[in-house]
Amino acid sequence: MVRLNRIYTKTGDDGSTGLARGPRRRKHDLRVDAYGTVDETNAVIGVVRLSAVPAELDAILARIQNDLFDLGADLATPQDDGQPESEGASLRITAGQVSRLEEDIDRLNADLPALRSFVLPGGAPAAAHLHVARTVCRRAERLVVALADTPGEIVSGQAMMYLNRLSDFLFVAARHINHAGPGDVLWVPGQNR
């Protein structure tokens, strides 16, 4: 599937990069920025996994990291407008991947107390890193939505849903970590006036 013999090819020295099917785009292109930010989200989740996280959560995060590579491939392989894709022609995020995130959110959220204020990033180190991952994920989502709103660009609805659910999952996962440890850090409106 993927074979990397040489890490540097010099083909990007002119400020362009190749999409999955070969067309070149500028490195600041919105599509490249979107899948690059998905990759950044993946890297932050890798940092989270270096923290003390329960085995069940670590397994979910490992699956998510793999899904994020699927999402990057989805975004790096634009669909052709009006051209139906043959089955398996391109790697796309599926409804099943979105559903699994929803199931994970529901399972982790089941024992958490209801919120009566916004949560500030903090608490346990793993929770703080999960909040960083959440904010990077939200940025990726904004870029993907902007890409979808760009004339001539097509983005799968499942890709947008996956990022939306993932940011929700990362929020709930941070709360789950803090619930087992120091507790959430809650916003107190106007506390420092």
N, C-alpha and C. Protein backbone atom coordinates (compact mmCIF):
# COMPACT_ATOMS: atom_id res chain seq x y z
N MET A 1 0.83 -1.19 0.00
CA MET A 1 0.00 0.00 0.00
C MET A 1 0.87 1.25 0.00
N VAL A 2 1.65 1.45 1.04
CA VAL A 2 2.54 2.60 1.11
C VAL A 2 3.96 2.08 1.19
N ARG A 3 4.82 2.66 0.38
CA ARG A 3 6.22 2.27 0.40
C ARG A 3 7.06 3.54 0.32
N LEU A 4 7.84 3.77 1.36
CA LEU A 4 8.69 4.96 1.42
C LEU A 4 10.15 4.52 1.46
N ASN A 5 10.81 4.67 0.35
CA ASN A 5 12.23 4.34 0.30
C ASN A 5 13.09 5.57 0.58
N ARG A 6 12.64 6.70 0.06
CA ARG A 6 13.38 7.94 0.25
C ARG A 6 12.46 8.92 0.97
N ILE A 7 12.99 9.58 1.97
CA ILE A 7 12.19 10.54 2.73
C ILE A 7 12.16 11.89 2.02
N TYR A 8 13.25 12.31 1.47
CA TYR A 8 13.22 13.58 0.74
C TYR A 8 13.25 13.30 -0.76
N THR A 9 12.35 13.99 -1.45
CA THR A 9 12.22 13.80 -2.89
C THR A 9 12.57 15.08 -3.66
N LYS A 10 12.59 16.20 -2.98
CA LYS A 10 12.86 17.53 -3.54
C LYS A 10 11.71 18.04 -4.41
N THR A 11 10.62 17.26 -4.54
CA THR A 11 9.51 17.71 -5.38
C THR A 11 8.72 18.84 -4.74
N GLY A 12 8.86 19.02 -3.44
CA GLY A 12 8.15 20.09 -2.75
C GLY A 12 8.98 21.35 -2.58
N ASP A 13 10.16 21.36 -3.15
CA ASP A 13 11.03 22.53 -3.00
C ASP A 13 10.45 23.79 -3.63
N ASP A 14 9.49 23.62 -4.53
CA ASP A 14 8.87 24.78 -5.18
C ASP A 14 7.63 25.27 -4.42
N GLY A 15 7.38 24.69 -3.24
CA GLY A 15 6.23 25.11 -2.44
C GLY A 15 4.96 24.37 -2.77
N SER A 16 5.07 23.25 -3.48
CA SER A 16 3.88 22.46 -3.81
C SER A 16 4.01 21.08 -3.19
N THR A 17 2.88 20.37 -3.14
CA THR A 17 2.86 19.00 -2.65
C THR A 17 1.87 18.22 -3.50
N GLY A 18 2.04 16.92 -3.55
CA GLY A 18 1.16 16.09 -4.36
C GLY A 18 0.03 15.51 -3.54
N LEU A 19 -1.19 15.55 -4.09
CA LEU A 19 -2.31 14.88 -3.47
C LEU A 19 -2.20 13.39 -3.77
N ALA A 20 -3.08 12.60 -3.20
CA ALA A 20 -2.98 11.14 -3.30
C ALA A 20 -2.99 10.64 -4.74
N ARG A 21 -3.78 11.25 -5.59
CA ARG A 21 -3.85 10.79 -6.98
C ARG A 21 -2.89 11.53 -7.89
N GLY A 22 -2.02 12.37 -7.31
CA GLY A 22 -0.98 12.99 -8.10
C GLY A 22 -1.07 14.47 -8.38
N PRO A 23 -2.30 15.08 -8.43
CA PRO A 23 -2.31 16.52 -8.72
C PRO A 23 -1.53 17.29 -7.65
N ARG A 24 -0.90 18.37 -8.06
CA ARG A 24 -0.10 19.17 -7.15
C ARG A 24 -0.90 20.37 -6.68
N ARG A 25 -0.70 20.71 -5.42
CA ARG A 25 -1.33 21.88 -4.82
C ARG A 25 -0.24 22.65 -4.06
N ARG A 26 -0.48 23.94 -3.89
CA ARG A 26 0.43 24.74 -3.08
C ARG A 26 0.35 24.25 -1.63
N LYS A 27 1.44 24.35 -0.91
CA LYS A 27 1.47 23.86 0.47
C LYS A 27 0.57 24.66 1.41
N HIS A 28 0.17 25.85 0.99
CA HIS A 28 -0.77 26.64 1.80
C HIS A 28 -2.21 26.47 1.32
N ASP A 29 -2.44 25.57 0.39
CA ASP A 29 -3.77 25.27 -0.12
C ASP A 29 -4.67 24.82 1.04
N LEU A 30 -5.93 25.20 0.99
CA LEU A 30 -6.86 24.88 2.07
C LEU A 30 -6.98 23.37 2.31
N ARG A 31 -6.98 22.58 1.25
CA ARG A 31 -7.07 21.12 1.40
C ARG A 31 -5.83 20.59 2.13
N VAL A 32 -4.67 21.08 1.76
CA VAL A 32 -3.42 20.64 2.39
C VAL A 32 -3.39 21.09 3.84
N ASP A 33 -3.86 22.31 4.10
CA ASP A 33 -3.93 22.82 5.47
C ASP A 33 -4.87 21.96 6.31
N ALA A 34 -5.99 21.54 5.71
CA ALA A 34 -6.97 20.73 6.44
C ALA A 34 -6.38 19.38 6.82
N TYR A 35 -5.81 18.65 5.86
CA TYR A 35 -5.28 17.33 6.25
C TYR A 35 -4.00 17.45 7.05
N GLY A 36 -3.28 18.57 6.91
CA GLY A 36 -2.12 18.80 7.77
C GLY A 36 -2.53 19.01 9.22
N THR A 37 -3.65 19.67 9.44
CA THR A 37 -4.13 19.90 10.80
C THR A 37 -4.73 18.63 11.38
N VAL A 38 -5.29 17.77 10.54
CA VAL A 38 -5.70 16.44 11.01
C VAL A 38 -4.46 15.68 11.48
N ASP A 39 -3.36 15.78 10.75
CA ASP A 39 -2.11 15.13 11.15
C ASP A 39 -1.60 15.71 12.47
N GLU A 40 -1.74 17.02 12.64
CA GLU A 40 -1.34 17.66 13.91
C GLU A 40 -2.18 17.13 15.06
N THR A 41 -3.48 16.95 14.83
CA THR A 41 -4.35 16.37 15.85
C THR A 41 -3.84 14.99 16.25
N ASN A 42 -3.46 14.20 15.25
CA ASN A 42 -2.94 12.86 15.49
C ASN A 42 -1.67 12.92 16.35
N ALA A 43 -0.79 13.87 16.05
CA ALA A 43 0.46 13.99 16.81
C ALA A 43 0.19 14.35 18.27
N VAL A 44 -0.78 15.23 18.51
CA VAL A 44 -1.10 15.60 19.88
C VAL A 44 -1.69 14.40 20.63
N ILE A 45 -2.51 13.61 19.93
CA ILE A 45 -3.04 12.40 20.58
C ILE A 45 -1.90 11.45 20.92
N GLY A 46 -0.87 11.40 20.09
CA GLY A 46 0.31 10.59 20.42
C GLY A 46 0.96 11.05 21.71
N VAL A 47 1.00 12.37 21.93
CA VAL A 47 1.54 12.90 23.18
C VAL A 47 0.64 12.51 24.35
N VAL A 48 -0.67 12.58 24.16
CA VAL A 48 -1.61 12.16 25.21
C VAL A 48 -1.28 10.74 25.64
N ARG A 49 -1.04 9.86 24.68
CA ARG A 49 -0.82 8.45 24.99
C ARG A 49 0.46 8.21 25.77
N LEU A 50 1.35 9.19 25.82
CA LEU A 50 2.56 9.07 26.64
C LEU A 50 2.27 9.36 28.11
N SER A 51 1.11 9.98 28.38
CA SER A 51 0.69 10.28 29.75
C SER A 51 0.04 9.05 30.35
N ALA A 52 -0.28 9.15 31.61
CA ALA A 52 -0.95 8.04 32.30
C ALA A 52 -2.41 8.02 31.90
N VAL A 53 -2.76 7.14 30.96
CA VAL A 53 -4.16 6.95 30.56
C VAL A 53 -4.52 5.49 30.79
N PRO A 54 -5.75 5.24 31.20
CA PRO A 54 -6.17 3.84 31.41
C PRO A 54 -6.06 3.05 30.10
N ALA A 55 -5.84 1.75 30.23
CA ALA A 55 -5.65 0.87 29.06
C ALA A 55 -6.82 0.96 28.08
N GLU A 56 -8.05 1.01 28.60
CA GLU A 56 -9.22 1.09 27.71
C GLU A 56 -9.18 2.36 26.87
N LEU A 57 -8.85 3.49 27.49
CA LEU A 57 -8.77 4.75 26.76
C LEU A 57 -7.60 4.75 25.79
N ASP A 58 -6.48 4.18 26.19
CA ASP A 58 -5.32 4.10 25.30
C ASP A 58 -5.66 3.31 24.04
N ALA A 59 -6.41 2.23 24.18
CA ALA A 59 -6.81 1.42 23.01
C ALA A 59 -7.72 2.23 22.09
N ILE A 60 -8.62 3.02 22.65
CA ILE A 60 -9.50 3.87 21.83
C ILE A 60 -8.66 4.92 21.10
N LEU A 61 -7.73 5.54 21.82
CA LEU A 61 -6.87 6.55 21.20
C LEU A 61 -6.01 5.97 20.09
N ALA A 62 -5.54 4.74 20.27
CA ALA A 62 -4.76 4.08 19.20
C ALA A 62 -5.64 3.88 17.97
N ARG A 63 -6.88 3.46 18.17
CA ARG A 63 -7.80 3.28 17.04
C ARG A 63 -8.06 4.63 16.36
N ILE A 64 -8.24 5.68 17.15
CA ILE A 64 -8.48 7.02 16.60
C ILE A 64 -7.29 7.49 15.78
N GLN A 65 -6.08 7.22 16.27
CA GLN A 65 -4.90 7.62 15.49
C GLN A 65 -4.91 6.97 14.11
N ASN A 66 -5.28 5.72 14.04
CA ASN A 66 -5.37 5.04 12.76
C ASN A 66 -6.48 5.66 11.90
N ASP A 67 -7.63 5.94 12.54
CA ASP A 67 -8.74 6.59 11.82
C ASP A 67 -8.31 7.94 11.25
N LEU A 68 -7.48 8.67 11.99
CA LEU A 68 -7.05 9.98 11.51
C LEU A 68 -6.17 9.86 10.27
N PHE A 69 -5.43 8.77 10.14
CA PHE A 69 -4.71 8.54 8.89
C PHE A 69 -5.69 8.25 7.77
N ASP A 70 -6.77 7.50 8.07
CA ASP A 70 -7.83 7.29 7.07
C ASP A 70 -8.43 8.64 6.65
N LEU A 71 -8.68 9.50 7.63
CA LEU A 71 -9.25 10.81 7.34
C LEU A 71 -8.29 11.64 6.49
N GLY A 72 -7.01 11.60 6.81
CA GLY A 72 -6.03 12.31 6.00
C GLY A 72 -6.03 11.81 4.56
N ALA A 73 -6.13 10.50 4.39
CA ALA A 73 -6.19 9.92 3.04
C ALA A 73 -7.47 10.37 2.33
N ASP A 74 -8.57 10.40 3.07
CA ASP A 74 -9.86 10.86 2.52
C ASP A 74 -9.70 12.28 1.99
N LEU A 75 -9.14 13.17 2.81
CA LEU A 75 -8.99 14.57 2.43
C LEU A 75 -7.95 14.77 1.33
N ALA A 76 -6.93 13.92 1.28
CA ALA A 76 -5.88 14.04 0.27
C ALA A 76 -6.29 13.44 -1.07
N THR A 77 -7.48 12.85 -1.12
CA THR A 77 -7.98 12.24 -2.35
C THR A 77 -9.34 12.88 -2.67
N PRO A 78 -9.32 14.07 -3.28
CA PRO A 78 -10.60 14.74 -3.53
C PRO A 78 -11.50 13.91 -4.44
N GLN A 79 -12.79 13.95 -4.13
CA GLN A 79 -13.77 13.30 -4.99
C GLN A 79 -13.98 14.18 -6.22
N ASP A 80 -14.25 13.55 -7.34
CA ASP A 80 -14.55 14.30 -8.55
C ASP A 80 -16.03 14.66 -8.54
N ASP A 81 -16.33 15.91 -8.82
CA ASP A 81 -17.70 16.39 -8.82
C ASP A 81 -18.52 15.62 -9.85
N GLY A 82 -19.60 14.99 -9.38
CA GLY A 82 -20.50 14.29 -10.28
C GLY A 82 -20.02 12.91 -10.71
N GLN A 83 -18.87 12.51 -10.26
CA GLN A 83 -18.33 11.21 -10.64
C GLN A 83 -18.49 10.24 -9.48
N PRO A 84 -19.36 9.24 -9.60
CA PRO A 84 -19.47 8.26 -8.52
C PRO A 84 -18.18 7.44 -8.42
N GLU A 85 -17.79 7.18 -7.18
CA GLU A 85 -16.58 6.39 -6.98
C GLU A 85 -16.92 4.91 -6.97
N SER A 86 -16.05 4.13 -7.57
CA SER A 86 -16.25 2.69 -7.50
C SER A 86 -15.93 2.23 -6.08
N GLU A 87 -16.56 1.15 -5.67
CA GLU A 87 -16.39 0.61 -4.31
C GLU A 87 -14.91 0.37 -4.01
N GLY A 88 -14.41 0.97 -2.94
CA GLY A 88 -13.03 0.75 -2.51
C GLY A 88 -12.00 1.52 -3.30
N ALA A 89 -12.44 2.42 -4.21
CA ALA A 89 -11.48 3.16 -5.02
C ALA A 89 -10.64 4.11 -4.18
N SER A 90 -11.25 4.72 -3.18
CA SER A 90 -10.56 5.65 -2.31
C SER A 90 -10.89 5.33 -0.86
N LEU A 91 -9.96 5.61 0.00
CA LEU A 91 -10.18 5.39 1.43
C LEU A 91 -11.01 6.56 1.95
N ARG A 92 -12.19 6.27 2.48
CA ARG A 92 -13.09 7.30 2.99
C ARG A 92 -13.49 6.96 4.42
N ILE A 93 -13.74 7.99 5.21
CA ILE A 93 -14.29 7.80 6.55
C ILE A 93 -15.70 7.23 6.39
N THR A 94 -16.04 6.27 7.24
CA THR A 94 -17.33 5.61 7.12
C THR A 94 -18.25 5.98 8.28
N ALA A 95 -19.52 5.70 8.09
CA ALA A 95 -20.51 5.92 9.17
C ALA A 95 -20.16 5.06 10.39
N GLY A 96 -19.60 3.88 10.16
CA GLY A 96 -19.21 3.02 11.28
C GLY A 96 -18.14 3.64 12.15
N GLN A 97 -17.20 4.35 11.54
CA GLN A 97 -16.17 5.01 12.34
C GLN A 97 -16.78 6.14 13.19
N VAL A 98 -17.74 6.85 12.63
CA VAL A 98 -18.43 7.90 13.38
C VAL A 98 -19.24 7.27 14.52
N SER A 99 -19.95 6.19 14.23
CA SER A 99 -20.77 5.51 15.24
C SER A 99 -19.92 5.00 16.40
N ARG A 100 -18.74 4.47 16.09
CA ARG A 100 -17.86 3.97 17.17
C ARG A 100 -17.48 5.10 18.12
N LEU A 101 -17.20 6.28 17.55
CA LEU A 101 -16.89 7.43 18.41
C LEU A 101 -18.07 7.79 19.31
N GLU A 102 -19.28 7.75 18.73
CA GLU A 102 -20.47 8.04 19.53
C GLU A 102 -20.64 7.04 20.66
N GLU A 103 -20.40 5.77 20.38
CA GLU A 103 -20.49 4.74 21.42
C GLU A 103 -19.45 4.97 22.50
N ASP A 104 -18.24 5.35 22.10
CA ASP A 104 -17.18 5.64 23.08
C ASP A 104 -17.55 6.84 23.94
N ILE A 105 -18.09 7.88 23.32
CA ILE A 105 -18.51 9.07 24.07
C ILE A 105 -19.56 8.68 25.10
N ASP A 106 -20.57 7.94 24.66
CA ASP A 106 -21.66 7.55 25.58
C ASP A 106 -21.14 6.71 26.74
N ARG A 107 -20.21 5.78 26.45
CA ARG A 107 -19.68 4.91 27.50
C ARG A 107 -18.87 5.71 28.53
N LEU A 108 -17.98 6.60 28.05
CA LEU A 108 -17.15 7.39 28.96
C LEU A 108 -17.96 8.44 29.72
N ASN A 109 -19.01 8.95 29.09
CA ASN A 109 -19.80 10.01 29.69
C ASN A 109 -20.82 9.50 30.72
N ALA A 110 -21.11 8.20 30.68
CA ALA A 110 -22.19 7.63 31.49
C ALA A 110 -22.04 7.92 32.98
N ASP A 111 -20.83 7.89 33.50
CA ASP A 111 -20.62 8.06 34.95
C ASP A 111 -20.17 9.46 35.34
N LEU A 112 -20.12 10.37 34.38
CA LEU A 112 -19.63 11.72 34.69
C LEU A 112 -20.76 12.58 35.25
N PRO A 113 -20.46 13.43 36.23
CA PRO A 113 -21.49 14.33 36.76
C PRO A 113 -21.87 15.37 35.70
N ALA A 114 -23.11 15.84 35.77
CA ALA A 114 -23.56 16.89 34.85
C ALA A 114 -22.74 18.16 35.07
N LEU A 115 -22.49 18.87 33.99
CA LEU A 115 -21.73 20.12 34.09
C LEU A 115 -22.64 21.28 34.43
N ARG A 116 -22.15 22.15 35.29
CA ARG A 116 -22.88 23.35 35.64
C ARG A 116 -22.07 24.60 35.27
N SER A 117 -20.94 24.38 34.62
CA SER A 117 -20.07 25.47 34.17
C SER A 117 -19.21 24.94 33.04
N PHE A 118 -18.54 25.83 32.31
CA PHE A 118 -17.59 25.40 31.31
C PHE A 118 -16.35 24.83 32.00
N VAL A 119 -15.66 23.94 31.30
CA VAL A 119 -14.47 23.30 31.84
C VAL A 119 -13.23 24.01 31.29
N LEU A 120 -12.32 24.35 32.19
CA LEU A 120 -11.03 24.92 31.77
C LEU A 120 -10.05 23.78 31.53
N PRO A 121 -9.19 23.91 30.52
CA PRO A 121 -8.18 22.87 30.31
C PRO A 121 -7.28 22.76 31.53
N GLY A 122 -7.11 21.55 32.03
CA GLY A 122 -6.27 21.35 33.20
C GLY A 122 -6.64 20.08 33.91
N GLY A 123 -6.31 20.03 35.19
CA GLY A 123 -6.53 18.82 35.97
C GLY A 123 -5.31 17.93 35.83
N ALA A 124 -5.54 16.68 35.48
CA ALA A 124 -4.44 15.74 35.29
C ALA A 124 -3.69 16.08 33.98
N PRO A 125 -2.38 15.79 33.91
CA PRO A 125 -1.63 16.08 32.68
C PRO A 125 -2.28 15.47 31.42
N ALA A 126 -2.75 14.22 31.51
CA ALA A 126 -3.37 13.59 30.34
C ALA A 126 -4.62 14.36 29.93
N ALA A 127 -5.39 14.84 30.89
CA ALA A 127 -6.60 15.61 30.58
C ALA A 127 -6.24 16.93 29.89
N ALA A 128 -5.21 17.59 30.39
CA ALA A 128 -4.77 18.84 29.77
C ALA A 128 -4.33 18.60 28.32
N HIS A 129 -3.60 17.52 28.09
CA HIS A 129 -3.18 17.18 26.71
C HIS A 129 -4.38 16.84 25.84
N LEU A 130 -5.38 16.17 26.41
CA LEU A 130 -6.60 15.88 25.65
C LEU A 130 -7.31 17.17 25.25
N HIS A 131 -7.30 18.18 26.11
CA HIS A 131 -7.90 19.47 25.76
C HIS A 131 -7.12 20.14 24.63
N VAL A 132 -5.79 20.02 24.63
CA VAL A 132 -5.00 20.55 23.51
C VAL A 132 -5.40 19.82 22.23
N ALA A 133 -5.50 18.50 22.29
CA ALA A 133 -5.91 17.72 21.12
C ALA A 133 -7.29 18.17 20.65
N ARG A 134 -8.19 18.44 21.58
CA ARG A 134 -9.55 18.88 21.23
C ARG A 134 -9.52 20.20 20.47
N THR A 135 -8.69 21.15 20.92
CA THR A 135 -8.66 22.45 20.25
C THR A 135 -8.03 22.34 18.87
N VAL A 136 -7.02 21.51 18.72
CA VAL A 136 -6.43 21.29 17.39
C VAL A 136 -7.44 20.61 16.48
N CYS A 137 -8.19 19.65 17.03
CA CYS A 137 -9.22 18.97 16.27
C CYS A 137 -10.29 19.96 15.80
N ARG A 138 -10.69 20.89 16.67
CA ARG A 138 -11.68 21.89 16.28
C ARG A 138 -11.15 22.77 15.15
N ARG A 139 -9.85 23.08 15.18
CA ARG A 139 -9.26 23.87 14.09
C ARG A 139 -9.31 23.07 12.80
N ALA A 140 -8.98 21.78 12.88
CA ALA A 140 -9.07 20.92 11.70
C ALA A 140 -10.49 20.91 11.16
N GLU A 141 -11.46 20.82 12.06
CA GLU A 141 -12.86 20.81 11.65
C GLU A 141 -13.23 22.11 10.93
N ARG A 142 -12.79 23.25 11.47
CA ARG A 142 -13.09 24.53 10.82
C ARG A 142 -12.49 24.58 9.42
N LEU A 143 -11.29 24.06 9.26
CA LEU A 143 -10.64 24.05 7.94
C LEU A 143 -11.37 23.13 6.97
N VAL A 144 -11.80 21.98 7.46
CA VAL A 144 -12.52 21.03 6.60
C VAL A 144 -13.87 21.62 6.18
N VAL A 145 -14.56 22.30 7.08
CA VAL A 145 -15.83 22.94 6.74
C VAL A 145 -15.58 24.06 5.71
N ALA A 146 -14.53 24.85 5.92
CA ALA A 146 -14.20 25.90 4.95
C ALA A 146 -13.90 25.28 3.58
N LEU A 147 -13.18 24.17 3.58
CA LEU A 147 -12.89 23.47 2.33
C LEU A 147 -14.17 23.01 1.66
N ALA A 148 -15.08 22.43 2.44
CA ALA A 148 -16.36 21.96 1.89
C ALA A 148 -17.18 23.11 1.32
N ASP A 149 -17.03 24.31 1.87
CA ASP A 149 -17.76 25.48 1.41
C ASP A 149 -17.10 26.16 0.21
N THR A 150 -15.94 25.67 -0.21
CA THR A 150 -15.21 26.25 -1.32
C THR A 150 -15.74 25.69 -2.64
N PRO A 151 -16.14 26.56 -3.57
CA PRO A 151 -16.62 26.07 -4.86
C PRO A 151 -15.58 25.16 -5.54
N GLY A 152 -16.05 24.03 -6.04
CA GLY A 152 -15.19 23.09 -6.74
C GLY A 152 -14.53 22.06 -5.83
N GLU A 153 -14.66 22.22 -4.53
CA GLU A 153 -14.07 21.26 -3.60
C GLU A 153 -15.18 20.39 -3.01
N ILE A 154 -14.93 19.11 -2.91
CA ILE A 154 -15.90 18.18 -2.34
C ILE A 154 -15.26 17.51 -1.13
N VAL A 155 -16.01 17.50 -0.04
CA VAL A 155 -15.57 16.84 1.19
C VAL A 155 -16.71 15.94 1.64
N SER A 156 -16.39 14.74 2.05
CA SER A 156 -17.45 13.82 2.47
C SER A 156 -18.07 14.30 3.77
N GLY A 157 -19.37 14.13 3.87
CA GLY A 157 -20.08 14.48 5.10
C GLY A 157 -19.59 13.67 6.28
N GLN A 158 -19.20 12.41 6.04
CA GLN A 158 -18.70 11.56 7.13
C GLN A 158 -17.39 12.12 7.68
N ALA A 159 -16.55 12.70 6.83
CA ALA A 159 -15.30 13.30 7.30
C ALA A 159 -15.58 14.45 8.26
N MET A 160 -16.55 15.29 7.89
CA MET A 160 -16.89 16.42 8.77
C MET A 160 -17.51 15.91 10.07
N MET A 161 -18.38 14.90 9.98
CA MET A 161 -19.00 14.36 11.20
C MET A 161 -17.94 13.73 12.10
N TYR A 162 -16.97 13.03 11.51
CA TYR A 162 -15.94 12.37 12.31
C TYR A 162 -15.20 13.40 13.16
N LEU A 163 -14.78 14.51 12.55
CA LEU A 163 -14.06 15.53 13.30
C LEU A 163 -14.92 16.15 14.39
N ASN A 164 -16.19 16.38 14.09
CA ASN A 164 -17.09 16.94 15.09
C ASN A 164 -17.24 15.99 16.28
N ARG A 165 -17.44 14.70 16.01
CA ARG A 165 -17.55 13.72 17.10
C ARG A 165 -16.22 13.57 17.83
N LEU A 166 -15.11 13.62 17.08
CA LEU A 166 -13.82 13.44 17.73
C LEU A 166 -13.55 14.54 18.75
N SER A 167 -13.87 15.78 18.42
CA SER A 167 -13.64 16.84 19.40
C SER A 167 -14.51 16.63 20.63
N ASP A 168 -15.74 16.15 20.42
CA ASP A 168 -16.60 15.82 21.57
C ASP A 168 -16.00 14.68 22.39
N PHE A 169 -15.50 13.66 21.69
CA PHE A 169 -14.87 12.54 22.40
C PHE A 169 -13.69 13.01 23.23
N LEU A 170 -12.83 13.86 22.67
CA LEU A 170 -11.64 14.32 23.39
C LEU A 170 -12.03 15.11 24.63
N PHE A 171 -13.11 15.89 24.54
CA PHE A 171 -13.62 16.62 25.71
C PHE A 171 -14.08 15.64 26.79
N VAL A 172 -14.88 14.66 26.40
CA VAL A 172 -15.40 13.68 27.37
C VAL A 172 -14.25 12.85 27.94
N ALA A 173 -13.28 12.49 27.11
CA ALA A 173 -12.13 11.71 27.59
C ALA A 173 -11.34 12.50 28.64
N ALA A 174 -11.18 13.81 28.43
CA ALA A 174 -10.49 14.65 29.42
C ALA A 174 -11.27 14.66 30.73
N ARG A 175 -12.58 14.79 30.64
CA ARG A 175 -13.41 14.77 31.85
C ARG A 175 -13.32 13.40 32.53
N HIS A 176 -13.30 12.34 31.74
CA HIS A 176 -13.19 10.97 32.28
C HIS A 176 -11.89 10.82 33.08
N ILE A 177 -10.79 11.31 32.53
CA ILE A 177 -9.50 11.25 33.23
C ILE A 177 -9.58 12.06 34.53
N ASN A 178 -10.11 13.26 34.45
CA ASN A 178 -10.18 14.11 35.64
C ASN A 178 -11.14 13.57 36.69
N HIS A 179 -12.20 12.91 36.25
CA HIS A 179 -13.17 12.34 37.19
C HIS A 179 -12.50 11.27 38.07
N ALA A 180 -11.55 10.54 37.49
CA ALA A 180 -10.83 9.50 38.23
C ALA A 180 -9.67 10.08 39.04
N GLY A 181 -9.40 11.39 38.86
CA GLY A 181 -8.26 11.99 39.55
C GLY A 181 -8.62 13.30 40.21
N PRO A 182 -7.99 14.39 39.76
CA PRO A 182 -8.13 15.66 40.47
C PRO A 182 -9.47 16.38 40.27
N GLY A 183 -10.27 15.93 39.34
CA GLY A 183 -11.54 16.61 39.04
C GLY A 183 -11.35 17.68 37.98
N ASP A 184 -12.47 18.07 37.35
CA ASP A 184 -12.43 19.11 36.33
C ASP A 184 -12.10 20.45 36.96
N VAL A 185 -11.46 21.29 36.18
CA VAL A 185 -11.22 22.67 36.57
C VAL A 185 -12.34 23.48 35.92
N LEU A 186 -13.19 24.07 36.73
CA LEU A 186 -14.37 24.76 36.20
C LEU A 186 -14.16 26.26 36.11
N TRP A 187 -14.73 26.84 35.07
CA TRP A 187 -14.71 28.28 34.88
C TRP A 187 -15.64 28.93 35.91
N VAL A 188 -15.14 29.99 36.54
CA VAL A 188 -15.95 30.79 37.47
C VAL A 188 -16.08 32.16 36.82
N PRO A 189 -17.22 32.46 36.20
CA PRO A 189 -17.37 33.74 35.50
C PRO A 189 -17.08 34.93 36.41
N GLY A 190 -16.24 35.84 35.92
CA GLY A 190 -15.94 37.06 36.65
C GLY A 190 -15.15 36.90 37.91
N GLN A 191 -14.56 35.75 38.13
CA GLN A 191 -13.86 35.46 39.39
C GLN A 191 -12.74 36.46 39.69
N ASN A 192 -12.09 36.98 38.70
CA ASN A 192 -10.90 37.81 38.94
C ASN A 192 -11.11 39.28 38.63
N ARG A 193 -12.34 39.74 38.71
CA ARG A 193 -12.62 41.17 38.45
C ARG A 193 -12.11 42.03 39.57
